[in-house]
Every structure is written in C-alpha cells, then in structure tokens.
Amino acid sequence: MTNWGGTTGTTCPYRRTGHSPEPGIRRLEALTDREREVLLLLGTGVGNRELSRELGIAERTVKAHISHIVAKLGQQTRTQVAIVSALAHNALCDEPSCSRHLAPIASRGQKPTIA
C-alpha cells in the first residue's frame, strides 16, 4: 500500500487507506471524447434509454460505450463507473461555467450550496 501525503494521523477514512487516486484519474485519459461524455451522464444517474436520447445514439451503442468505459477504468459494474464519474467530475468536465465547479466545498455539518 502506498502512503501518500503523510496520511498517518489523519481522520479522513479515505486518506487513511493509503491509496492514491492518481492511477484512477490517469485511466480517464484513455477514454474517447464520447466515452467521457457518456461517463459524465452516467454520474447523473440516468438510464440507458435517457442516455441514448440525450446523445442521439442507439441504446445498443450506449451499452457498448458503457462496456468500454467499465473495462478501460478497470471496474466491474456500471455503478462503479457512475461513482467514478461523480468523484472525478472536475477532471472529466471541461465546462468552466458548470455549477459543479462553482459550488463551494461544504464544511463538516453544512449542506453544500450550488452557486
């Protein structure tokens, strides 16, 4: 296990694992532009039918993209890549006016606000 950034003594459970998110973020670079678009939409929780309508492609094509994304990211399920999408939104989304980028980080015990 890799210890990064002096994680001993931290109260953050994620950081205590000693795992670095960097290898996973680097895997995102292997995705095509369309796969990145599909991955971003997966993070919103929409189903294949909604994805196909939004992107103007066949549902079968959506399923193929999701299969490729799962493999390229080294995951096993659609749910896992949806979680990756939600966690890595800033690395995936190039839109500077996206509300996810404008939202301040909430302090412990406070609800996040959307700008």
PDB file of N, CA and C in Angstrom:
ATOM      1  N   MET A   1       0.834  -1.170   0.000  1.00  0.00           N
ATOM      2  CA  MET A   1       0.000   0.000   0.000  1.00  0.00           C
ATOM      3  C   MET A   1       0.889   1.247   0.000  1.00  0.00           C
ATOM      4  N   THR A   2       0.532   2.218  -0.826  1.00  0.00           N
ATOM      5  CA  THR A   2       1.315   3.438  -0.924  1.00  0.00           C
ATOM      6  C   THR A   2       0.803   4.468   0.064  1.00  0.00           C
ATOM      7  N   ASN A   3       1.692   5.003   0.862  1.00  0.00           N
ATOM      8  CA  ASN A   3       1.322   6.067   1.779  1.00  0.00           C
ATOM      9  C   ASN A   3       1.653   7.380   1.101  1.00  0.00           C
ATOM     10  N   TRP A   4       0.669   8.213   0.839  1.00  0.00           N
ATOM     11  CA  TRP A   4       0.899   9.467   0.133  1.00  0.00           C
ATOM     12  C   TRP A   4       0.483  10.633   1.003  1.00  0.00           C
ATOM     13  N   GLY A   5       1.314  11.635   1.018  1.00  0.00           N
ATOM     14  CA  GLY A   5       0.989  12.868   1.714  1.00  0.00           C
ATOM     15  C   GLY A   5       0.933  12.753   3.230  1.00  0.00           C
ATOM     16  N   GLY A   6       1.666  11.835   3.813  1.00  0.00           N
ATOM     17  CA  GLY A   6       1.702  11.728   5.264  1.00  0.00           C
ATOM     18  C   GLY A   6       0.340  11.464   5.874  1.00  0.00           C
ATOM     19  N   THR A   7      -0.283  10.374   5.518  1.00  0.00           N
ATOM     20  CA  THR A   7      -1.658  10.103   5.922  1.00  0.00           C
ATOM     21  C   THR A   7      -1.796   9.580   7.344  1.00  0.00           C
ATOM     22  N   THR A   8      -0.703   9.246   7.987  1.00  0.00           N
ATOM     23  CA  THR A   8      -0.833   8.761   9.356  1.00  0.00           C
ATOM     24  C   THR A   8      -1.319   9.908  10.224  1.00  0.00           C
ATOM     25  N   GLY A   9      -2.273   9.616  11.092  1.00  0.00           N
ATOM     26  CA  GLY A   9      -2.799  10.645  11.969  1.00  0.00           C
ATOM     27  C   GLY A   9      -3.975  11.414  11.387  1.00  0.00           C
ATOM     28  N   THR A  10      -4.314  11.202  10.135  1.00  0.00           N
ATOM     29  CA  THR A  10      -5.457  11.893   9.549  1.00  0.00           C
ATOM     30  C   THR A  10      -6.751  11.244  10.013  1.00  0.00           C
ATOM     31  N   THR A  11      -7.800  12.041  10.109  1.00  0.00           N
ATOM     32  CA  THR A  11      -9.099  11.497  10.497  1.00  0.00           C
ATOM     33  C   THR A  11      -9.930  11.097   9.286  1.00  0.00           C
ATOM     34  N   CYS A  12      -9.469  11.397   8.102  1.00  0.00           N
ATOM     35  CA  CYS A  12     -10.211  11.065   6.887  1.00  0.00           C
ATOM     36  C   CYS A  12     -10.046   9.577   6.576  1.00  0.00           C
ATOM     37  N   PRO A  13     -11.143   8.806   6.586  1.00  0.00           N
ATOM     38  CA  PRO A  13     -11.040   7.370   6.322  1.00  0.00           C
ATOM     39  C   PRO A  13     -10.437   7.062   4.952  1.00  0.00           C
ATOM     40  N   TYR A  14     -10.771   7.852   3.941  1.00  0.00           N
ATOM     41  CA  TYR A  14     -10.232   7.618   2.600  1.00  0.00           C
ATOM     42  C   TYR A  14      -8.721   7.768   2.600  1.00  0.00           C
ATOM     43  N   ARG A  15      -8.224   8.828   3.181  1.00  0.00           N
ATOM     44  CA  ARG A  15      -6.777   9.061   3.191  1.00  0.00           C
ATOM     45  C   ARG A  15      -6.054   8.026   4.043  1.00  0.00           C
ATOM     46  N   ARG A  16      -6.711   7.525   5.078  1.00  0.00           N
ATOM     47  CA  ARG A  16      -6.072   6.508   5.929  1.00  0.00           C
ATOM     48  C   ARG A  16      -5.809   5.214   5.178  1.00  0.00           C
ATOM     49  N   THR A  17      -6.530   4.964   4.075  1.00  0.00           N
ATOM     50  CA  THR A  17      -6.292   3.731   3.324  1.00  0.00           C
ATOM     51  C   THR A  17      -4.913   3.726   2.693  1.00  0.00           C
ATOM     52  N   GLY A  18      -4.358   4.913   2.451  1.00  0.00           N
ATOM     53  CA  GLY A  18      -3.056   4.999   1.817  1.00  0.00           C
ATOM     54  C   GLY A  18      -3.096   4.887   0.309  1.00  0.00           C
ATOM     55  N   HIS A  19      -4.286   4.738  -0.267  1.00  0.00           N
ATOM     56  CA  HIS A  19      -4.405   4.625  -1.717  1.00  0.00           C
ATOM     57  C   HIS A  19      -4.431   5.998  -2.352  1.00  0.00           C
ATOM     58  N   SER A  20      -3.698   6.153  -3.407  1.00  0.00           N
ATOM     59  CA  SER A  20      -3.697   7.398  -4.159  1.00  0.00           C
ATOM     60  C   SER A  20      -4.731   7.328  -5.268  1.00  0.00           C
ATOM     61  N   PRO A  21      -5.505   8.401  -5.480  1.00  0.00           N
ATOM     62  CA  PRO A  21      -6.482   8.402  -6.570  1.00  0.00           C
ATOM     63  C   PRO A  21      -5.844   8.622  -7.938  1.00  0.00           C
ATOM     64  N   GLU A  22      -4.563   8.943  -7.987  1.00  0.00           N
ATOM     65  CA  GLU A  22      -3.919   9.307  -9.248  1.00  0.00           C
ATOM     66  C   GLU A  22      -3.957   8.221 -10.320  1.00  0.00           C
ATOM     67  N   PRO A  23      -3.710   6.947 -10.019  1.00  0.00           N
ATOM     68  CA  PRO A  23      -3.792   5.940 -11.085  1.00  0.00           C
ATOM     69  C   PRO A  23      -5.175   5.884 -11.726  1.00  0.00           C
ATOM     70  N   GLY A  24      -6.216   6.025 -10.929  1.00  0.00           N
ATOM     71  CA  GLY A  24      -7.570   6.022 -11.463  1.00  0.00           C
ATOM     72  C   GLY A  24      -7.838   7.225 -12.343  1.00  0.00           C
ATOM     73  N   ILE A  25      -7.330   8.369 -11.941  1.00  0.00           N
ATOM     74  CA  ILE A  25      -7.511   9.594 -12.732  1.00  0.00           C
ATOM     75  C   ILE A  25      -6.771   9.444 -14.058  1.00  0.00           C
ATOM     76  N   ARG A  26      -5.594   8.834 -14.033  1.00  0.00           N
ATOM     77  CA  ARG A  26      -4.841   8.636 -15.287  1.00  0.00           C
ATOM     78  C   ARG A  26      -5.601   7.731 -16.248  1.00  0.00           C
ATOM     79  N   ARG A  27      -6.368   6.789 -15.715  1.00  0.00           N
ATOM     80  CA  ARG A  27      -7.154   5.907 -16.585  1.00  0.00           C
ATOM     81  C   ARG A  27      -8.198   6.689 -17.372  1.00  0.00           C
ATOM     82  N   LEU A  28      -8.659   7.797 -16.830  1.00  0.00           N
ATOM     83  CA  LEU A  28      -9.650   8.619 -17.529  1.00  0.00           C
ATOM     84  C   LEU A  28      -9.105   9.124 -18.861  1.00  0.00           C
ATOM     85  N   GLU A  29      -7.789   9.293 -18.938  1.00  0.00           N
ATOM     86  CA  GLU A  29      -7.164   9.787 -20.165  1.00  0.00           C
ATOM     87  C   GLU A  29      -7.309   8.803 -21.316  1.00  0.00           C
ATOM     88  N   ALA A  30      -7.562   7.538 -21.022  1.00  0.00           N
ATOM     89  CA  ALA A  30      -7.706   6.519 -22.066  1.00  0.00           C
ATOM     90  C   ALA A  30      -9.074   6.582 -22.747  1.00  0.00           C
ATOM     91  N   LEU A  31     -10.004   7.332 -22.166  1.00  0.00           N
ATOM     92  CA  LEU A  31     -11.351   7.398 -22.724  1.00  0.00           C
ATOM     93  C   LEU A  31     -11.412   8.322 -23.938  1.00  0.00           C
ATOM     94  N   THR A  32     -12.250   7.949 -24.897  1.00  0.00           N
ATOM     95  CA  THR A  32     -12.508   8.837 -26.034  1.00  0.00           C
ATOM     96  C   THR A  32     -13.395   9.984 -25.552  1.00  0.00           C
ATOM     97  N   ASP A  33     -13.526  11.019 -26.383  1.00  0.00           N
ATOM     98  CA  ASP A  33     -14.399  12.139 -26.019  1.00  0.00           C
ATOM     99  C   ASP A  33     -15.829  11.664 -25.782  1.00  0.00           C
ATOM    100  N   ARG A  34     -16.330  10.778 -26.628  1.00  0.00           N
ATOM    101  CA  ARG A  34     -17.699  10.278 -26.484  1.00  0.00           C
ATOM    102  C   ARG A  34     -17.834   9.457 -25.208  1.00  0.00           C
ATOM    103  N   GLU A  35     -16.822   8.640 -24.879  1.00  0.00           N
ATOM    104  CA  GLU A  35     -16.866   7.856 -23.647  1.00  0.00           C
ATOM    105  C   GLU A  35     -16.870   8.771 -22.422  1.00  0.00           C
ATOM    106  N   ARG A  36     -16.115   9.860 -22.483  1.00  0.00           N
ATOM    107  CA  ARG A  36     -16.109  10.825 -21.381  1.00  0.00           C
ATOM    108  C   ARG A  36     -17.495  11.449 -21.220  1.00  0.00           C
ATOM    109  N   GLU A  37     -18.135  11.751 -22.347  1.00  0.00           N
ATOM    110  CA  GLU A  37     -19.477  12.325 -22.320  1.00  0.00           C
ATOM    111  C   GLU A  37     -20.474  11.337 -21.702  1.00  0.00           C
ATOM    112  N   VAL A  38     -20.386  10.083 -22.116  1.00  0.00           N
ATOM    113  CA  VAL A  38     -21.253   9.043 -21.557  1.00  0.00           C
ATOM    114  C   VAL A  38     -20.982   8.895 -20.063  1.00  0.00           C
ATOM    115  N   LEU A  39     -19.718   8.888 -19.677  1.00  0.00           N
ATOM    116  CA  LEU A  39     -19.359   8.739 -18.266  1.00  0.00           C
ATOM    117  C   LEU A  39     -19.913   9.888 -17.431  1.00  0.00           C
ATOM    118  N   LEU A  40     -19.807  11.113 -17.923  1.00  0.00           N
ATOM    119  CA  LEU A  40     -20.369  12.252 -17.197  1.00  0.00           C
ATOM    120  C   LEU A  40     -21.868  12.085 -16.986  1.00  0.00           C
ATOM    121  N   LEU A  41     -22.564  11.651 -18.025  1.00  0.00           N
ATOM    122  CA  LEU A  41     -24.009  11.464 -17.911  1.00  0.00           C
ATOM    123  C   LEU A  41     -24.353  10.299 -16.982  1.00  0.00           C
ATOM    124  N   LEU A  42     -23.524   9.263 -16.976  1.00  0.00           N
ATOM    125  CA  LEU A  42     -23.740   8.148 -16.040  1.00  0.00           C
ATOM    126  C   LEU A  42     -23.729   8.646 -14.599  1.00  0.00           C
ATOM    127  N   GLY A  43     -22.876   9.605 -14.325  1.00  0.00           N
ATOM    128  CA  GLY A  43     -22.770  10.157 -12.978  1.00  0.00           C
ATOM    129  C   GLY A  43     -24.014  10.896 -12.524  1.00  0.00           C
ATOM    130  N   THR A  44     -24.906  11.219 -13.454  1.00  0.00           N
ATOM    131  CA  THR A  44     -26.154  11.892 -13.086  1.00  0.00           C
ATOM    132  C   THR A  44     -27.232  10.894 -12.715  1.00  0.00           C
ATOM    133  N   GLY A  45     -26.977   9.609 -12.964  1.00  0.00           N
ATOM    134  CA  GLY A  45     -27.925   8.571 -12.596  1.00  0.00           C
ATOM    135  C   GLY A  45     -28.960   8.224 -13.651  1.00  0.00           C
ATOM    136  N   VAL A  46     -28.810   8.739 -14.863  1.00  0.00           N
ATOM    137  CA  VAL A  46     -29.794   8.431 -15.907  1.00  0.00           C
ATOM    138  C   VAL A  46     -29.574   7.028 -16.457  1.00  0.00           C
ATOM    139  N   GLY A  47     -30.636   6.451 -16.992  1.00  0.00           N
ATOM    140  CA  GLY A  47     -30.571   5.117 -17.566  1.00  0.00           C
ATOM    141  C   GLY A  47     -30.132   5.142 -19.022  1.00  0.00           C
ATOM    142  N   ASN A  48     -29.975   3.956 -19.587  1.00  0.00           N
ATOM    143  CA  ASN A  48     -29.516   3.833 -20.972  1.00  0.00           C
ATOM    144  C   ASN A  48     -30.446   4.522 -21.963  1.00  0.00           C
ATOM    145  N   ARG A  49     -31.746   4.383 -21.765  1.00  0.00           N
ATOM    146  CA  ARG A  49     -32.704   4.999 -22.687  1.00  0.00           C
ATOM    147  C   ARG A  49     -32.550   6.523 -22.688  1.00  0.00           C
ATOM    148  N   GLU A  50     -32.426   7.106 -21.495  1.00  0.00           N
ATOM    149  CA  GLU A  50     -32.244   8.551 -21.395  1.00  0.00           C
ATOM    150  C   GLU A  50     -30.913   8.979 -21.997  1.00  0.00           C
ATOM    151  N   LEU A  51     -29.879   8.172 -21.755  1.00  0.00           N
ATOM    152  CA  LEU A  51     -28.567   8.458 -22.348  1.00  0.00           C
ATOM    153  C   LEU A  51     -28.649   8.458 -23.869  1.00  0.00           C
ATOM    154  N   SER A  52     -29.324   7.479 -24.429  1.00  0.00           N
ATOM    155  CA  SER A  52     -29.411   7.395 -25.889  1.00  0.00           C
ATOM    156  C   SER A  52     -30.168   8.590 -26.452  1.00  0.00           C
ATOM    157  N   ARG A  53     -31.229   9.016 -25.776  1.00  0.00           N
ATOM    158  CA  ARG A  53     -31.972  10.203 -26.232  1.00  0.00           C
ATOM    159  C   ARG A  53     -31.115  11.456 -26.135  1.00  0.00           C
ATOM    160  N   GLU A  54     -30.446  11.619 -25.018  1.00  0.00           N
ATOM    161  CA  GLU A  54     -29.618  12.808 -24.793  1.00  0.00           C
ATOM    162  C   GLU A  54     -28.499  12.919 -25.822  1.00  0.00           C
ATOM    163  N   LEU A  55     -27.893  11.798 -26.160  1.00  0.00           N
ATOM    164  CA  LEU A  55     -26.748  11.794 -27.073  1.00  0.00           C
ATOM    165  C   LEU A  55     -27.139  11.590 -28.530  1.00  0.00           C
ATOM    166  N   GLY A  56     -28.396  11.213 -28.771  1.00  0.00           N
ATOM    167  CA  GLY A  56     -28.843  10.984 -30.144  1.00  0.00           C
ATOM    168  C   GLY A  56     -28.219   9.749 -30.777  1.00  0.00           C
ATOM    169  N   ILE A  57     -28.019   8.715 -29.958  1.00  0.00           N
ATOM    170  CA  ILE A  57     -27.438   7.464 -30.452  1.00  0.00           C
ATOM    171  C   ILE A  57     -28.321   6.303 -30.002  1.00  0.00           C
ATOM    172  N   ALA A  58     -28.119   5.149 -30.611  1.00  0.00           N
ATOM    173  CA  ALA A  58     -28.911   3.967 -30.272  1.00  0.00           C
ATOM    174  C   ALA A  58     -28.581   3.485 -28.859  1.00  0.00           C
ATOM    175  N   GLU A  59     -29.569   2.894 -28.213  1.00  0.00           N
ATOM    176  CA  GLU A  59     -29.364   2.351 -26.871  1.00  0.00           C
ATOM    177  C   GLU A  59     -28.284   1.270 -26.884  1.00  0.00           C
ATOM    178  N   ARG A  60     -28.217   0.503 -27.959  1.00  0.00           N
ATOM    179  CA  ARG A  60     -27.181  -0.528 -28.100  1.00  0.00           C
ATOM    180  C   ARG A  60     -25.786   0.111 -28.104  1.00  0.00           C
ATOM    181  N   THR A  61     -25.672   1.284 -28.735  1.00  0.00           N
ATOM    182  CA  THR A  61     -24.391   1.996 -28.767  1.00  0.00           C
ATOM    183  C   THR A  61     -24.028   2.493 -27.371  1.00  0.00           C
ATOM    184  N   VAL A  62     -25.015   2.961 -26.624  1.00  0.00           N
ATOM    185  CA  VAL A  62     -24.784   3.390 -25.241  1.00  0.00           C
ATOM    186  C   VAL A  62     -24.227   2.222 -24.433  1.00  0.00           C
ATOM    187  N   LYS A  63     -24.841   1.052 -24.571  1.00  0.00           N
ATOM    188  CA  LYS A  63     -24.380  -0.135 -23.843  1.00  0.00           C
ATOM    189  C   LYS A  63     -22.941  -0.487 -24.209  1.00  0.00           C
ATOM    190  N   ALA A  64     -22.599  -0.341 -25.489  1.00  0.00           N
ATOM    191  CA  ALA A  64     -21.222  -0.619 -25.928  1.00  0.00           C
ATOM    192  C   ALA A  64     -20.251   0.375 -25.297  1.00  0.00           C
ATOM    193  N   HIS A  65     -20.624   1.657 -25.280  1.00  0.00           N
ATOM    194  CA  HIS A  65     -19.762   2.672 -24.655  1.00  0.00           C
ATOM    195  C   HIS A  65     -19.556   2.363 -23.172  1.00  0.00           C
ATOM    196  N   ILE A  66     -20.634   2.006 -22.489  1.00  0.00           N
ATOM    197  CA  ILE A  66     -20.529   1.708 -21.059  1.00  0.00           C
ATOM    198  C   ILE A  66     -19.624   0.503 -20.826  1.00  0.00           C
ATOM    199  N   SER A  67     -19.745  -0.500 -21.661  1.00  0.00           N
ATOM    200  CA  SER A  67     -18.888  -1.676 -21.553  1.00  0.00           C
ATOM    201  C   SER A  67     -17.417  -1.300 -21.726  1.00  0.00           C
ATOM    202  N   HIS A  68     -17.128  -0.445 -22.703  1.00  0.00           N
ATOM    203  CA  HIS A  68     -15.745   0.002 -22.931  1.00  0.00           C
ATOM    204  C   HIS A  68     -15.234   0.821 -21.741  1.00  0.00           C
ATOM    205  N   ILE A  69     -16.092   1.685 -21.211  1.00  0.00           N
ATOM    206  CA  ILE A  69     -15.705   2.518 -20.070  1.00  0.00           C
ATOM    207  C   ILE A  69     -15.386   1.650 -18.856  1.00  0.00           C
ATOM    208  N   VAL A  70     -16.247   0.689 -18.573  1.00  0.00           N
ATOM    209  CA  VAL A  70     -16.030  -0.221 -17.438  1.00  0.00           C
ATOM    210  C   VAL A  70     -14.669  -0.902 -17.575  1.00  0.00           C
ATOM    211  N   ALA A  71     -14.366  -1.398 -18.772  1.00  0.00           N
ATOM    212  CA  ALA A  71     -13.090  -2.094 -18.998  1.00  0.00           C
ATOM    213  C   ALA A  71     -11.903  -1.139 -18.879  1.00  0.00           C
ATOM    214  N   LYS A  72     -11.992   0.021 -19.518  1.00  0.00           N
ATOM    215  CA  LYS A  72     -10.869   0.964 -19.512  1.00  0.00           C
ATOM    216  C   LYS A  72     -10.567   1.500 -18.119  1.00  0.00           C
ATOM    217  N   LEU A  73     -11.589   1.636 -17.293  1.00  0.00           N
ATOM    218  CA  LEU A  73     -11.374   2.156 -15.944  1.00  0.00           C
ATOM    219  C   LEU A  73     -11.056   1.060 -14.934  1.00  0.00           C
ATOM    220  N   GLY A  74     -11.033  -0.187 -15.400  1.00  0.00           N
ATOM    221  CA  GLY A  74     -10.683  -1.293 -14.517  1.00  0.00           C
ATOM    222  C   GLY A  74     -11.736  -1.565 -13.460  1.00  0.00           C
ATOM    223  N   GLN A  75     -12.985  -1.293 -13.784  1.00  0.00           N
ATOM    224  CA  GLN A  75     -14.081  -1.518 -12.855  1.00  0.00           C
ATOM    225  C   GLN A  75     -14.836  -2.776 -13.272  1.00  0.00           C
ATOM    226  N   GLN A  76     -15.872  -3.121 -12.500  1.00  0.00           N
ATOM    227  CA  GLN A  76     -16.638  -4.324 -12.806  1.00  0.00           C
ATOM    228  C   GLN A  76     -18.090  -4.031 -13.152  1.00  0.00           C
ATOM    229  N   THR A  77     -18.603  -2.886 -12.719  1.00  0.00           N
ATOM    230  CA  THR A  77     -20.022  -2.602 -12.932  1.00  0.00           C
ATOM    231  C   THR A  77     -20.259  -1.167 -13.379  1.00  0.00           C
ATOM    232  N   ARG A  78     -21.447  -0.960 -13.923  1.00  0.00           N
ATOM    233  CA  ARG A  78     -21.903   0.371 -14.310  1.00  0.00           C
ATOM    234  C   ARG A  78     -21.960   1.282 -13.080  1.00  0.00           C
ATOM    235  N   THR A  79     -22.399   0.738 -11.966  1.00  0.00           N
ATOM    236  CA  THR A  79     -22.495   1.530 -10.739  1.00  0.00           C
ATOM    237  C   THR A  79     -21.127   2.046 -10.318  1.00  0.00           C
ATOM    238  N   GLN A  80     -20.117   1.210 -10.424  1.00  0.00           N
ATOM    239  CA  GLN A  80     -18.768   1.639 -10.059  1.00  0.00           C
ATOM    240  C   GLN A  80     -18.302   2.793 -10.937  1.00  0.00           C
ATOM    241  N   VAL A  81     -18.558   2.730 -12.236  1.00  0.00           N
ATOM    242  CA  VAL A  81     -18.112   3.831 -13.097  1.00  0.00           C
ATOM    243  C   VAL A  81     -18.961   5.077 -12.875  1.00  0.00           C
ATOM    244  N   ALA A  82     -20.220   4.918 -12.479  1.00  0.00           N
ATOM    245  CA  ALA A  82     -21.043   6.083 -12.144  1.00  0.00           C
ATOM    246  C   ALA A  82     -20.462   6.797 -10.925  1.00  0.00           C
ATOM    247  N   ILE A  83     -19.970   6.023  -9.971  1.00  0.00           N
ATOM    248  CA  ILE A  83     -19.336   6.610  -8.792  1.00  0.00           C
ATOM    249  C   ILE A  83     -18.044   7.313  -9.192  1.00  0.00           C
ATOM    250  N   VAL A  84     -17.259   6.691 -10.055  1.00  0.00           N
ATOM    251  CA  VAL A  84     -16.046   7.332 -10.570  1.00  0.00           C
ATOM    252  C   VAL A  84     -16.411   8.663 -11.212  1.00  0.00           C
ATOM    253  N   SER A  85     -17.479   8.666 -12.001  1.00  0.00           N
ATOM    254  CA  SER A  85     -17.919   9.890 -12.664  1.00  0.00           C
ATOM    255  C   SER A  85     -18.228  10.983 -11.656  1.00  0.00           C
ATOM    256  N   ALA A  86     -18.976  10.634 -10.630  1.00  0.00           N
ATOM    257  CA  ALA A  86     -19.342  11.627  -9.625  1.00  0.00           C
ATOM    258  C   ALA A  86     -18.114  12.151  -8.883  1.00  0.00           C
ATOM    259  N   LEU A  87     -17.183  11.263  -8.565  1.00  0.00           N
ATOM    260  CA  LEU A  87     -15.989  11.663  -7.823  1.00  0.00           C
ATOM    261  C   LEU A  87     -14.989  12.430  -8.679  1.00  0.00           C
ATOM    262  N   ALA A  88     -14.945  12.126  -9.965  1.00  0.00           N
ATOM    263  CA  ALA A  88     -13.944  12.734 -10.853  1.00  0.00           C
ATOM    264  C   ALA A  88     -14.556  13.773 -11.788  1.00  0.00           C
ATOM    265  N   HIS A  89     -15.698  14.318 -11.420  1.00  0.00           N
ATOM    266  CA  HIS A  89     -16.394  15.252 -12.306  1.00  0.00           C
ATOM    267  C   HIS A  89     -15.488  16.384 -12.790  1.00  0.00           C
ATOM    268  N   ASN A  90     -14.741  16.983 -11.890  1.00  0.00           N
ATOM    269  CA  ASN A  90     -13.894  18.113 -12.284  1.00  0.00           C
ATOM    270  C   ASN A  90     -12.825  17.715 -13.289  1.00  0.00           C
ATOM    271  N   ALA A  91     -12.342  16.486 -13.220  1.00  0.00           N
ATOM    272  CA  ALA A  91     -11.339  16.020 -14.176  1.00  0.00           C
ATOM    273  C   ALA A  91     -11.965  15.684 -15.522  1.00  0.00           C
ATOM    274  N   LEU A  92     -13.253  15.370 -15.534  1.00  0.00           N
ATOM    275  CA  LEU A  92     -13.936  14.974 -16.765  1.00  0.00           C
ATOM    276  C   LEU A  92     -14.568  16.141 -17.503  1.00  0.00           C
ATOM    277  N   CYS A  93     -15.090  17.101 -16.766  1.00  0.00           N
ATOM    278  CA  CYS A  93     -15.888  18.174 -17.358  1.00  0.00           C
ATOM    279  C   CYS A  93     -15.009  19.371 -17.704  1.00  0.00           C
ATOM    280  N   ASP A  94     -15.079  19.788 -18.957  1.00  0.00           N
ATOM    281  CA  ASP A  94     -14.283  20.921 -19.429  1.00  0.00           C
ATOM    282  C   ASP A  94     -15.051  22.236 -19.396  1.00  0.00           C
ATOM    283  N   GLU A  95     -16.297  22.209 -18.957  1.00  0.00           N
ATOM    284  CA  GLU A  95     -17.155  23.396 -18.987  1.00  0.00           C
ATOM    285  C   GLU A  95     -16.908  24.263 -17.748  1.00  0.00           C
ATOM    286  N   PRO A  96     -16.239  25.430 -17.902  1.00  0.00           N
ATOM    287  CA  PRO A  96     -15.917  26.251 -16.734  1.00  0.00           C
ATOM    288  C   PRO A  96     -17.137  26.816 -16.014  1.00  0.00           C
ATOM    289  N   SER A  97     -18.272  26.948 -16.705  1.00  0.00           N
ATOM    290  CA  SER A  97     -19.458  27.507 -16.057  1.00  0.00           C
ATOM    291  C   SER A  97     -20.326  26.433 -15.400  1.00  0.00           C
ATOM    292  N   CYS A  98     -19.851  25.194 -15.400  1.00  0.00           N
ATOM    293  CA  CYS A  98     -20.599  24.094 -14.787  1.00  0.00           C
ATOM    294  C   CYS A  98     -20.809  24.388 -13.304  1.00  0.00           C
ATOM    295  N   SER A  99     -22.037  24.213 -12.842  1.00  0.00           N
ATOM    296  CA  SER A  99     -22.349  24.528 -11.446  1.00  0.00           C
ATOM    297  C   SER A  99     -21.577  23.653 -10.466  1.00  0.00           C
ATOM    298  N   ARG A 100     -21.156  22.466 -10.893  1.00  0.00           N
ATOM    299  CA  ARG A 100     -20.369  21.599 -10.003  1.00  0.00           C
ATOM    300  C   ARG A 100     -19.020  22.232  -9.684  1.00  0.00           C
ATOM    301  N   HIS A 101     -18.467  23.022 -10.635  1.00  0.00           N
ATOM    302  CA  HIS A 101     -17.176  23.667 -10.406  1.00  0.00           C
ATOM    303  C   HIS A 101     -17.328  24.920  -9.549  1.00  0.00           C
ATOM    304  N   LEU A 102     -18.504  25.520  -9.599  1.00  0.00           N
ATOM    305  CA  LEU A 102     -18.730  26.774  -8.897  1.00  0.00           C
ATOM    306  C   LEU A 102     -19.177  26.581  -7.458  1.00  0.00           C
ATOM    307  N   ALA A 103     -19.595  25.366  -7.120  1.00  0.00           N
ATOM    308  CA  ALA A 103     -20.100  25.108  -5.769  1.00  0.00           C
ATOM    309  C   ALA A 103     -18.954  25.099  -4.771  1.00  0.00           C
ATOM    310  N   PRO A 104     -19.065  25.900  -3.697  1.00  0.00           N
ATOM    311  CA  PRO A 104     -18.011  25.879  -2.676  1.00  0.00           C
ATOM    312  C   PRO A 104     -18.037  24.557  -1.919  1.00  0.00           C
ATOM    313  N   ILE A 105     -16.901  24.162  -1.425  1.00  0.00           N
ATOM    314  CA  ILE A 105     -16.811  22.931  -0.642  1.00  0.00           C
ATOM    315  C   ILE A 105     -17.464  23.182   0.711  1.00  0.00           C
ATOM    316  N   ALA A 106     -18.375  22.318   1.067  1.00  0.00           N
ATOM    317  CA  ALA A 106     -19.103  22.482   2.328  1.00  0.00           C
ATOM    318  C   ALA A 106     -18.229  22.077   3.502  1.00  0.00           C
ATOM    319  N   SER A 107     -18.358  22.810   4.576  1.00  0.00           N
ATOM    320  CA  SER A 107     -17.674  22.438   5.807  1.00  0.00           C
ATOM    321  C   SER A 107     -18.439  21.300   6.453  1.00  0.00           C
ATOM    322  N   ARG A 108     -17.798  20.590   7.322  1.00  0.00           N
ATOM    323  CA  ARG A 108     -18.441  19.468   8.005  1.00  0.00           C
ATOM    324  C   ARG A 108     -19.706  19.961   8.708  1.00  0.00           C
ATOM    325  N   GLY A 109     -20.784  19.235   8.488  1.00  0.00           N
ATOM    326  CA  GLY A 109     -22.037  19.572   9.133  1.00  0.00           C
ATOM    327  C   GLY A 109     -22.885  20.565   8.359  1.00  0.00           C
ATOM    328  N   GLN A 110     -22.358  21.137   7.280  1.00  0.00           N
ATOM    329  CA  GLN A 110     -23.127  22.075   6.476  1.00  0.00           C
ATOM    330  C   GLN A 110     -23.524  21.415   5.181  1.00  0.00           C
ATOM    331  N   LYS A 111     -24.683  21.808   4.667  1.00  0.00           N
ATOM    332  CA  LYS A 111     -25.117  21.297   3.377  1.00  0.00           C
ATOM    333  C   LYS A 111     -24.392  22.058   2.277  1.00  0.00           C
ATOM    334  N   PRO A 112     -23.986  21.368   1.191  1.00  0.00           N
ATOM    335  CA  PRO A 112     -23.332  22.068   0.092  1.00  0.00           C
ATOM    336  C   PRO A 112     -24.313  23.015  -0.585  1.00  0.00           C
ATOM    337  N   THR A 113     -23.786  24.113  -1.085  1.00  0.00           N
ATOM    338  CA  THR A 113     -24.613  25.067  -1.813  1.00  0.00           C
ATOM    339  C   THR A 113     -24.185  25.077  -3.264  1.00  0.00           C
ATOM    340  N   ILE A 114     -25.136  25.293  -4.130  1.00  0.00           N
ATOM    341  CA  ILE A 114     -24.852  25.378  -5.557  1.00  0.00           C
ATOM    342  C   ILE A 114     -24.902  26.840  -5.952  1.00  0.00           C
ATOM    343  N   ALA A 115     -23.839  27.302  -6.569  1.00  0.00           N
ATOM    344  CA  ALA A 115     -23.776  28.708  -6.987  1.00  0.00           C
ATOM    345  C   ALA A 115     -24.655  28.955  -8.186  1.00  0.00           C
TER     346      ALA A 115
END
